[in-house]
N, C-alpha and C. Protein backbone atom coordinates (compact mmCIF):
# COMPACT_ATOMS: atom_id res chain seq x y z
N MET A 1 -181.32 38.14 -62.91
CA MET A 1 -181.17 38.24 -64.88
C MET A 1 -181.29 39.44 -65.58
N ALA A 2 -181.59 40.77 -64.46
CA ALA A 2 -181.30 41.84 -65.40
C ALA A 2 -179.61 42.00 -65.72
N GLU A 3 -178.95 41.66 -64.99
CA GLU A 3 -177.48 42.11 -64.53
C GLU A 3 -176.87 40.80 -65.43
N GLU A 4 -177.57 40.18 -66.09
CA GLU A 4 -176.89 38.95 -67.02
C GLU A 4 -177.30 39.63 -68.75
N ILE A 5 -177.54 40.10 -68.45
CA ILE A 5 -178.65 40.43 -70.02
C ILE A 5 -178.00 41.98 -69.32
N SER A 6 -177.57 42.54 -69.16
CA SER A 6 -176.70 43.87 -69.19
C SER A 6 -175.46 43.87 -69.65
N GLN A 7 -174.98 42.64 -69.16
CA GLN A 7 -173.41 41.76 -69.74
C GLN A 7 -173.65 41.67 -71.24
N ILE A 8 -174.88 40.56 -71.57
CA ILE A 8 -174.42 40.02 -72.57
C ILE A 8 -174.76 41.51 -73.46
N GLU A 9 -175.14 42.52 -73.33
CA GLU A 9 -175.38 43.98 -74.15
C GLU A 9 -174.20 44.59 -74.31
N GLU A 10 -173.64 44.66 -72.90
CA GLU A 10 -172.10 45.55 -73.31
C GLU A 10 -171.47 44.22 -73.57
N ILE A 11 -171.08 43.21 -74.13
CA ILE A 11 -170.68 42.52 -74.75
C ILE A 11 -170.33 43.11 -76.52
N GLU A 12 -172.00 42.15 -76.35
CA GLU A 12 -172.14 42.41 -77.64
C GLU A 12 -171.79 44.04 -78.25
N GLN A 13 -171.62 45.21 -77.48
CA GLN A 13 -171.82 46.22 -77.89
C GLN A 13 -170.25 46.59 -78.62
N ALA A 14 -169.18 45.84 -77.17
CA ALA A 14 -167.85 45.91 -77.65
C ALA A 14 -167.55 45.03 -79.08
N GLU A 15 -168.12 43.94 -78.90
CA GLU A 15 -167.56 43.29 -80.06
C GLU A 15 -168.17 43.64 -81.67
N ALA A 16 -169.27 44.25 -81.51
CA ALA A 16 -169.57 45.71 -82.67
C ALA A 16 -168.88 46.89 -82.97
N ALA A 17 -167.87 47.70 -81.57
CA ALA A 17 -166.83 48.59 -81.66
C ALA A 17 -166.28 48.00 -82.26
N ALA A 18 -165.64 46.64 -82.26
CA ALA A 18 -163.67 46.33 -82.83
C ALA A 18 -164.34 45.61 -83.88
N LYS A 19 -165.62 45.23 -84.35
CA LYS A 19 -165.61 45.20 -85.66
C LYS A 19 -165.58 46.39 -86.64
N ALA A 20 -166.30 47.02 -86.32
CA ALA A 20 -166.26 48.77 -86.92
C ALA A 20 -164.98 49.26 -86.93
N LEU A 21 -164.22 48.97 -86.44
CA LEU A 21 -162.89 49.25 -85.85
C LEU A 21 -162.06 48.95 -87.51
N GLU A 22 -162.52 47.61 -87.96
CA GLU A 22 -161.80 46.53 -88.53
C GLU A 22 -162.01 47.60 -90.43
N GLY A 23 -163.69 48.11 -90.16
CA GLY A 23 -164.26 48.70 -91.36
C GLY A 23 -164.47 47.68 -92.16
N LYS A 24 -165.29 46.72 -91.08
CA LYS A 24 -165.76 45.48 -91.68
C LYS A 24 -167.56 45.82 -91.33
N GLU A 25 -168.11 46.30 -90.20
CA GLU A 25 -169.50 46.23 -90.24
C GLU A 25 -170.35 47.68 -89.47
N GLU A 26 -171.17 47.46 -89.34
CA GLU A 26 -171.84 49.31 -89.03
C GLU A 26 -172.19 48.97 -87.39
N VAL A 27 -171.28 49.90 -86.93
CA VAL A 27 -172.11 50.31 -85.68
C VAL A 27 -173.08 50.27 -85.11
N VAL A 28 -174.07 49.96 -84.42
CA VAL A 28 -175.22 50.05 -83.60
C VAL A 28 -175.36 50.75 -82.28
N GLU A 29 -175.67 52.14 -81.90
CA GLU A 29 -176.29 52.02 -80.34
C GLU A 29 -177.30 53.43 -80.67
N GLY A 30 -177.79 52.52 -79.94
CA GLY A 30 -179.36 52.87 -79.48
C GLY A 30 -180.01 52.73 -80.88
N GLU A 31 -180.75 54.06 -81.50
CA GLU A 31 -181.00 54.04 -82.58
C GLU A 31 -180.24 54.37 -83.68
N GLU A 32 -179.35 55.04 -83.50
CA GLU A 32 -178.42 55.59 -85.10
C GLU A 32 -177.04 54.53 -85.12
N THR A 33 -176.78 54.69 -86.43
CA THR A 33 -175.86 53.98 -87.09
C THR A 33 -175.01 54.73 -87.88
N THR A 34 -173.88 54.26 -87.58
CA THR A 34 -172.73 55.08 -88.28
C THR A 34 -171.74 54.00 -89.47
N GLU A 35 -171.77 54.78 -90.50
CA GLU A 35 -170.95 52.93 -91.39
C GLU A 35 -169.21 53.84 -91.42
N LYS A 36 -168.76 52.99 -91.32
CA LYS A 36 -167.22 52.77 -91.01
C LYS A 36 -166.61 52.49 -92.39
N SER A 37 -166.21 52.95 -93.69
CA SER A 37 -165.65 52.30 -94.78
C SER A 37 -164.37 53.20 -95.23
N LYS A 38 -163.34 52.68 -95.51
CA LYS A 38 -162.43 53.01 -96.01
C LYS A 38 -162.27 53.36 -97.24
N LYS A 39 -161.70 54.95 -97.87
CA LYS A 39 -161.96 55.02 -99.10
C LYS A 39 -160.09 55.02 -100.03
N ASP A 40 -160.51 54.67 -100.79
CA ASP A 40 -159.40 54.41 -101.62
C ASP A 40 -158.80 55.83 -101.41
N LYS A 41 -157.21 56.08 -101.42
CA LYS A 41 -156.02 56.84 -100.45
C LYS A 41 -155.68 57.27 -102.29
N HIS A 42 -155.26 56.81 -102.88
CA HIS A 42 -154.89 57.19 -104.31
C HIS A 42 -156.19 56.89 -105.51
N GLU A 43 -156.86 58.31 -106.38
CA GLU A 43 -158.10 57.70 -107.38
C GLU A 43 -157.34 57.25 -108.28
N LYS A 44 -157.77 56.63 -109.27
CA LYS A 44 -157.04 56.17 -110.45
C LYS A 44 -156.64 57.16 -111.49
N GLU A 45 -155.66 57.11 -111.73
CA GLU A 45 -154.58 57.59 -112.61
C GLU A 45 -155.22 57.56 -113.88
N ASN A 46 -155.67 58.37 -115.05
CA ASN A 46 -155.57 58.78 -116.28
C ASN A 46 -154.61 58.78 -117.45
N ILE A 47 -154.05 57.72 -117.03
CA ILE A 47 -153.49 57.97 -118.45
C ILE A 47 -153.03 58.76 -119.66
N GLY A 48 -152.58 59.50 -120.41
CA GLY A 48 -153.13 59.62 -121.92
C GLY A 48 -151.25 59.45 -122.78
N ILE A 49 -151.34 59.49 -124.20
CA ILE A 49 -150.67 59.24 -125.07
C ILE A 49 -150.23 61.09 -125.59
N LEU A 50 -149.20 61.28 -125.49
CA LEU A 50 -148.36 62.83 -126.50
C LEU A 50 -148.00 62.62 -127.06
N ASN A 51 -148.30 62.92 -128.55
CA ASN A 51 -146.92 62.29 -129.77
C ASN A 51 -147.11 63.71 -130.12
N ILE A 52 -145.82 64.06 -130.71
CA ILE A 52 -145.52 65.79 -130.86
C ILE A 52 -145.14 64.95 -131.69
N TYR A 53 -144.98 65.82 -133.05
CA TYR A 53 -144.67 65.95 -134.23
C TYR A 53 -144.11 67.55 -134.95
N THR A 54 -142.28 67.43 -135.13
CA THR A 54 -142.26 68.15 -134.78
C THR A 54 -141.37 68.44 -137.08
N SER A 55 -141.57 69.54 -137.67
CA SER A 55 -141.02 69.25 -138.63
C SER A 55 -140.21 71.06 -139.01
N GLN A 56 -140.11 71.52 -139.64
CA GLN A 56 -138.78 72.60 -139.92
C GLN A 56 -140.83 74.21 -140.00
N ASN A 57 -141.54 73.17 -140.23
CA ASN A 57 -142.73 74.21 -141.13
C ASN A 57 -143.84 74.28 -139.84
N ASN A 58 -143.55 73.13 -139.26
CA ASN A 58 -144.58 72.98 -138.08
C ASN A 58 -144.48 72.45 -136.89
N THR A 59 -145.33 71.93 -136.14
CA THR A 59 -145.77 71.39 -134.95
C THR A 59 -146.86 70.71 -134.60
N ILE A 60 -147.56 69.29 -134.55
CA ILE A 60 -148.23 68.85 -134.30
C ILE A 60 -148.60 68.22 -133.09
N LEU A 61 -149.63 68.01 -132.57
CA LEU A 61 -149.58 67.44 -131.11
C LEU A 61 -150.81 66.59 -130.90
N THR A 62 -150.83 66.08 -130.94
CA THR A 62 -151.98 65.12 -130.44
C THR A 62 -152.27 64.04 -129.72
N VAL A 63 -153.27 64.14 -128.38
CA VAL A 63 -153.00 63.61 -127.42
C VAL A 63 -154.22 62.55 -127.50
N THR A 64 -154.24 61.09 -127.30
CA THR A 64 -154.61 59.61 -127.02
C THR A 64 -154.89 59.30 -125.72
N ASP A 65 -156.16 57.74 -125.76
CA ASP A 65 -155.68 57.63 -124.49
C ASP A 65 -155.24 56.28 -124.68
N MET A 66 -155.03 55.28 -123.99
CA MET A 66 -154.30 54.55 -123.85
C MET A 66 -154.86 53.28 -125.32
N ALA A 67 -155.83 53.37 -125.26
CA ALA A 67 -156.01 52.85 -126.74
C ALA A 67 -155.90 53.00 -127.67
N GLY A 68 -155.37 54.08 -128.26
CA GLY A 68 -154.77 54.95 -128.90
C GLY A 68 -156.27 55.71 -129.32
N ASN A 69 -157.54 55.98 -128.77
CA ASN A 69 -158.52 57.16 -129.13
C ASN A 69 -158.27 58.15 -129.06
N THR A 70 -158.05 59.18 -130.41
CA THR A 70 -158.05 60.70 -130.32
C THR A 70 -158.85 61.37 -129.11
N ILE A 71 -157.85 62.01 -127.98
CA ILE A 71 -158.92 63.02 -127.40
C ILE A 71 -159.03 64.59 -127.55
N ALA A 72 -157.54 64.57 -128.26
CA ALA A 72 -156.97 66.20 -128.59
C ALA A 72 -156.29 66.15 -129.43
N ARG A 73 -156.53 67.45 -130.81
CA ARG A 73 -155.68 67.43 -131.42
C ARG A 73 -155.32 69.28 -131.71
N SER A 74 -153.78 69.27 -131.69
CA SER A 74 -153.48 71.06 -131.85
C SER A 74 -152.31 70.91 -132.67
N SER A 75 -151.94 72.58 -133.40
CA SER A 75 -151.36 72.32 -133.96
C SER A 75 -150.52 73.95 -134.06
N GLY A 76 -149.35 74.00 -134.63
CA GLY A 76 -148.40 75.21 -134.59
C GLY A 76 -149.35 76.41 -134.78
N GLY A 77 -149.99 75.93 -136.50
CA GLY A 77 -150.78 76.61 -137.69
C GLY A 77 -151.76 77.20 -136.93
N GLN A 78 -152.50 76.06 -136.27
CA GLN A 78 -154.10 76.95 -135.27
C GLN A 78 -154.08 77.62 -134.85
N SER A 79 -152.73 78.00 -134.11
CA SER A 79 -152.19 78.45 -132.74
C SER A 79 -152.04 80.20 -133.58
N THR A 80 -151.31 79.95 -134.60
CA THR A 80 -150.69 81.83 -135.29
C THR A 80 -151.26 81.71 -136.60
N LYS A 81 -151.30 82.56 -137.54
CA LYS A 81 -151.14 83.59 -138.73
C LYS A 81 -150.46 83.23 -139.38
N GLN A 82 -148.88 84.17 -139.22
CA GLN A 82 -148.02 83.76 -139.72
C GLN A 82 -147.60 82.55 -139.70
N SER A 83 -146.99 81.92 -141.13
CA SER A 83 -146.68 80.77 -141.44
C SER A 83 -145.18 80.38 -140.94
N ARG A 84 -144.60 81.41 -141.12
CA ARG A 84 -143.16 81.74 -140.51
C ARG A 84 -142.57 80.90 -139.06
N LEU A 85 -143.98 81.69 -138.43
CA LEU A 85 -143.97 80.88 -136.46
C LEU A 85 -144.47 80.04 -136.52
N LYS A 86 -145.05 79.17 -137.52
CA LYS A 86 -145.86 77.99 -136.75
C LYS A 86 -145.08 77.10 -136.05
N ALA A 87 -143.48 76.83 -136.42
CA ALA A 87 -142.78 76.00 -135.49
C ALA A 87 -141.44 76.66 -133.96
N SER A 88 -142.61 77.97 -134.12
CA SER A 88 -141.10 78.49 -133.12
C SER A 88 -142.00 77.46 -131.80
N PRO A 89 -140.56 77.99 -130.52
CA PRO A 89 -141.17 77.54 -129.42
C PRO A 89 -142.46 78.04 -128.69
N THR A 90 -142.50 79.25 -128.98
CA THR A 90 -143.67 80.09 -127.98
C THR A 90 -144.79 79.88 -128.91
N VAL A 91 -144.99 79.42 -130.41
CA VAL A 91 -146.05 78.59 -131.01
C VAL A 91 -146.81 77.62 -129.90
N ALA A 92 -145.63 77.41 -130.03
CA ALA A 92 -145.60 75.70 -129.78
C ALA A 92 -146.57 75.73 -127.79
N MET A 93 -146.00 76.62 -127.04
CA MET A 93 -146.11 76.71 -126.01
C MET A 93 -147.89 76.66 -125.51
N PHE A 94 -148.73 77.52 -126.70
CA PHE A 94 -149.54 78.03 -127.13
C PHE A 94 -150.34 76.94 -127.09
N ALA A 95 -149.84 75.63 -128.23
CA ALA A 95 -150.38 74.85 -128.52
C ALA A 95 -150.91 73.97 -127.18
N SER A 96 -149.65 73.92 -126.57
CA SER A 96 -150.03 72.88 -126.15
C SER A 96 -151.02 73.47 -124.51
N LYS A 97 -150.81 74.72 -124.19
CA LYS A 97 -152.13 74.69 -123.87
C LYS A 97 -153.22 74.27 -123.46
N LYS A 98 -153.59 74.86 -125.14
CA LYS A 98 -155.19 74.40 -125.16
C LYS A 98 -155.01 73.00 -125.26
N ILE A 99 -153.96 71.93 -125.66
CA ILE A 99 -154.30 70.86 -125.92
C ILE A 99 -154.06 70.48 -124.31
N GLY A 100 -153.76 70.57 -123.44
CA GLY A 100 -153.75 70.26 -121.77
C GLY A 100 -155.05 71.16 -121.15
N GLU A 101 -155.87 72.45 -121.87
CA GLU A 101 -157.47 72.57 -120.78
C GLU A 101 -158.11 71.21 -121.96
N GLU A 102 -157.93 70.24 -123.24
CA GLU A 102 -158.77 69.89 -123.76
C GLU A 102 -158.66 68.16 -123.03
N ALA A 103 -157.72 68.07 -122.45
CA ALA A 103 -156.74 66.77 -122.13
C ALA A 103 -157.35 66.83 -120.43
N LYS A 104 -157.13 67.57 -119.33
CA LYS A 104 -158.22 68.44 -118.38
C LYS A 104 -159.27 67.96 -118.21
N GLU A 105 -160.17 68.17 -119.58
CA GLU A 105 -161.61 67.91 -119.49
C GLU A 105 -162.10 66.76 -119.87
N ALA A 106 -160.74 65.72 -120.17
CA ALA A 106 -161.17 64.24 -120.65
C ALA A 106 -160.86 63.53 -119.00
N GLY A 107 -160.30 63.99 -118.36
CA GLY A 107 -159.69 63.48 -117.30
C GLY A 107 -158.29 63.11 -116.74
N VAL A 108 -157.75 63.40 -117.90
CA VAL A 108 -155.84 63.17 -118.17
C VAL A 108 -155.26 63.63 -117.42
N THR A 109 -154.52 63.00 -116.25
CA THR A 109 -153.96 63.67 -115.47
C THR A 109 -152.73 63.71 -115.62
N SER A 110 -151.86 62.37 -116.48
CA SER A 110 -150.78 62.35 -117.00
C SER A 110 -149.99 61.53 -118.19
N PHE A 111 -148.95 62.01 -118.72
CA PHE A 111 -148.37 61.94 -119.69
C PHE A 111 -147.54 60.92 -120.38
N TYR A 112 -147.71 59.84 -121.12
CA TYR A 112 -146.36 59.20 -121.91
C TYR A 112 -146.47 59.97 -123.45
N ILE A 113 -144.79 61.00 -123.65
CA ILE A 113 -144.99 61.69 -124.40
C ILE A 113 -143.90 61.06 -125.25
N ARG A 114 -144.50 61.09 -126.95
CA ARG A 114 -143.59 60.65 -127.71
C ARG A 114 -143.42 61.48 -128.65
N VAL A 115 -141.80 62.04 -129.37
CA VAL A 115 -141.25 62.81 -129.73
C VAL A 115 -140.90 62.35 -131.26
N ARG A 116 -141.34 62.91 -132.47
CA ARG A 116 -140.96 62.65 -133.51
C ARG A 116 -140.50 63.65 -134.54
N ALA A 117 -139.43 63.50 -135.27
CA ALA A 117 -138.85 64.88 -135.98
C ALA A 117 -139.04 63.93 -137.30
N GLU A 118 -139.06 64.79 -138.51
CA GLU A 118 -139.01 64.99 -139.93
C GLU A 118 -137.45 63.40 -140.31
N THR A 119 -137.82 62.80 -140.82
CA THR A 119 -137.10 61.40 -141.01
C THR A 119 -135.44 61.74 -141.49
N GLY A 120 -134.63 61.82 -140.72
CA GLY A 120 -133.06 61.59 -140.93
C GLY A 120 -132.55 63.38 -140.25
N SER A 121 -133.63 64.34 -139.88
CA SER A 121 -133.51 64.86 -138.74
C SER A 121 -132.36 65.11 -137.38
N ILE A 122 -131.78 65.62 -137.35
CA ILE A 122 -130.51 65.16 -136.17
C ILE A 122 -131.48 65.13 -134.84
N SER A 123 -132.27 66.64 -134.49
CA SER A 123 -132.52 66.17 -133.52
C SER A 123 -134.53 66.68 -133.43
N ALA A 124 -135.80 66.66 -132.47
CA ALA A 124 -136.78 66.89 -132.73
C ALA A 124 -137.25 68.97 -132.81
N GLY A 125 -136.11 69.32 -132.02
CA GLY A 125 -136.05 70.67 -132.25
C GLY A 125 -136.32 72.00 -130.96
N SER A 126 -136.44 72.70 -130.59
CA SER A 126 -136.82 73.35 -129.52
C SER A 126 -138.48 73.62 -129.52
N ALA A 127 -139.20 73.08 -130.23
CA ALA A 127 -140.67 73.44 -130.19
C ALA A 127 -141.27 72.25 -129.20
N ALA A 128 -140.81 70.85 -129.35
CA ALA A 128 -140.64 69.52 -128.19
C ALA A 128 -140.47 69.84 -126.96
N HIS A 129 -139.25 70.49 -126.54
CA HIS A 129 -138.83 70.66 -125.31
C HIS A 129 -139.56 72.24 -124.78
N ALA A 130 -140.29 73.37 -125.79
CA ALA A 130 -140.90 73.84 -125.09
C ALA A 130 -142.46 73.18 -124.84
N ILE A 131 -143.15 72.72 -125.32
CA ILE A 131 -144.25 71.36 -125.05
C ILE A 131 -144.07 71.01 -123.63
N VAL A 132 -142.76 70.14 -123.37
CA VAL A 132 -142.81 69.32 -122.88
C VAL A 132 -142.77 70.18 -121.11
N LYS A 133 -142.46 71.39 -121.14
CA LYS A 133 -141.97 72.60 -119.79
C LYS A 133 -143.34 72.99 -119.68
N SER A 134 -143.96 73.13 -120.75
CA SER A 134 -144.97 73.86 -120.73
C SER A 134 -146.56 72.91 -119.96
N LEU A 135 -146.02 71.44 -120.54
CA LEU A 135 -147.43 70.75 -119.71
C LEU A 135 -146.47 70.23 -118.14
N GLY A 136 -145.25 70.28 -118.30
CA GLY A 136 -145.26 70.43 -116.69
C GLY A 136 -144.98 71.04 -115.40
N ARG A 137 -145.18 72.31 -116.24
CA ARG A 137 -145.67 73.15 -115.27
C ARG A 137 -147.02 74.00 -114.68
N ASP A 138 -148.23 73.25 -116.38
CA ASP A 138 -149.59 73.03 -115.39
C ASP A 138 -150.51 72.06 -115.23
N GLY A 139 -149.48 71.31 -114.29
CA GLY A 139 -149.62 70.02 -113.12
C GLY A 139 -149.84 69.01 -114.01
N PHE A 140 -149.36 68.56 -115.01
CA PHE A 140 -149.47 67.07 -115.90
C PHE A 140 -148.05 66.73 -115.21
N LYS A 141 -148.73 64.89 -114.64
CA LYS A 141 -146.84 64.12 -114.60
C LYS A 141 -146.66 63.70 -115.48
N ILE A 142 -145.59 63.86 -116.02
CA ILE A 142 -144.69 63.17 -117.60
C ILE A 142 -144.53 61.64 -116.77
N LEU A 143 -144.73 60.68 -117.45
CA LEU A 143 -144.43 59.54 -117.26
C LEU A 143 -142.75 58.74 -117.99
N SER A 144 -142.95 60.12 -119.34
CA SER A 144 -141.89 59.29 -120.01
C SER A 144 -141.46 60.00 -121.55
N ILE A 145 -140.34 59.58 -121.96
CA ILE A 145 -140.63 60.72 -123.24
C ILE A 145 -139.85 59.42 -123.87
N CYS A 146 -140.06 59.50 -125.16
CA CYS A 146 -140.02 58.02 -126.31
C CYS A 146 -139.76 59.19 -127.25
N GLU A 147 -137.87 59.34 -127.91
CA GLU A 147 -137.91 59.50 -129.25
C GLU A 147 -138.00 58.93 -130.84
N LEU A 148 -138.85 58.72 -131.69
CA LEU A 148 -139.40 57.77 -132.02
C LEU A 148 -138.62 59.03 -134.01
N THR A 149 -137.76 59.73 -134.01
CA THR A 149 -137.21 60.09 -135.30
C THR A 149 -136.81 58.45 -136.24
N LYS A 150 -136.90 58.61 -137.07
CA LYS A 150 -136.91 57.47 -137.98
C LYS A 150 -135.24 58.18 -138.77
N GLN A 151 -134.61 56.91 -138.46
CA GLN A 151 -133.22 56.81 -139.82
C GLN A 151 -133.47 56.69 -140.49
N PRO A 152 -132.79 57.51 -142.11
CA PRO A 152 -133.01 56.91 -143.07
C PRO A 152 -131.81 55.64 -142.64
N ARG A 153 -132.05 54.04 -143.95
CA ARG A 153 -130.93 53.21 -143.92
C ARG A 153 -130.63 53.31 -145.89
N GLY A 154 -130.04 54.22 -146.18
CA GLY A 154 -129.64 53.64 -147.62
C GLY A 154 -130.93 54.45 -148.44
N GLY A 155 -132.06 53.45 -148.70
CA GLY A 155 -133.13 54.48 -149.29
C GLY A 155 -133.05 54.16 -150.57
N PRO A 156 -133.66 54.89 -151.27
CA PRO A 156 -134.06 54.69 -152.99
C PRO A 156 -132.07 55.73 -153.26
N LYS A 157 -132.35 54.91 -154.91
CA LYS A 157 -130.88 55.73 -155.80
C LYS A 157 -131.37 57.93 -155.72
N LYS A 158 -129.94 58.26 -155.40
CA LYS A 158 -130.52 59.68 -155.29
C LYS A 158 -130.77 60.34 -157.07
N ALA A 159 -131.33 61.61 -157.19
CA ALA A 159 -131.68 61.70 -158.51
C ALA A 159 -130.24 63.21 -159.03
N GLY A 160 -130.80 62.63 -160.23
CA GLY A 160 -129.28 63.07 -160.67
C GLY A 160 -128.19 62.75 -162.00
N GLY A 161 -128.61 61.37 -161.71
CA GLY A 161 -127.87 60.55 -162.26
C GLY A 161 -126.57 60.40 -162.22
N ARG A 162 -125.22 59.62 -163.20
CA ARG A 162 -123.84 59.83 -162.97
C ARG A 162 -123.25 61.29 -162.90
N ARG A 163 -122.36 60.72 -162.46
CA ARG A 163 -121.10 62.80 -162.09
C ARG A 163 -120.21 61.67 -162.60
N GLY A 164 -120.08 62.79 -164.09
CA GLY A 164 -118.43 62.86 -164.41
C GLY A 164 -118.50 62.83 -165.90
N ARG A 165 -116.95 62.36 -166.54
CA ARG A 165 -116.84 62.39 -167.61
C ARG A 165 -117.50 60.85 -168.51
N ARG A 166 -117.81 61.39 -169.71
CA ARG A 166 -118.81 60.81 -170.56
C ARG A 166 -118.60 59.94 -171.69
N VAL A 167 -117.42 59.33 -172.09
CA VAL A 167 -117.06 58.89 -172.80
C VAL A 167 -117.76 58.57 -174.52
């Protein structure tokens, strides 16, 4: 009778150990209990949208979450006192460092980048390139870069009136 009870206990312990390997139940060994649970290998990635607006006079950066709520905002004018340097790549890097610190505090790990320049300009300028490189070096993952510069399509009549001889 005692042999049958010990065999039943051994079978129960073997079944409990097999279920524990699957991560479904607890292993009971005497009075000790150890819980086996699987942890998520990948933590949820917080994604932000970085809007970069560059003009000849300034560079403006805004970080939003996916819903459009502003997390952080900075510009070249906040990083320097000289107005002639507001649009330079060096000052844009300082502004991106500030944005990066605030984004890390908010838990953002990767960005969708939207670059915009003044309407009709040929390219976004060197300040936008410096910002993207700076954020990449700071450890942020760049998911995509989108150019949103608007192109004029005719528009209103130019000032100055008609040219030529009036009779």
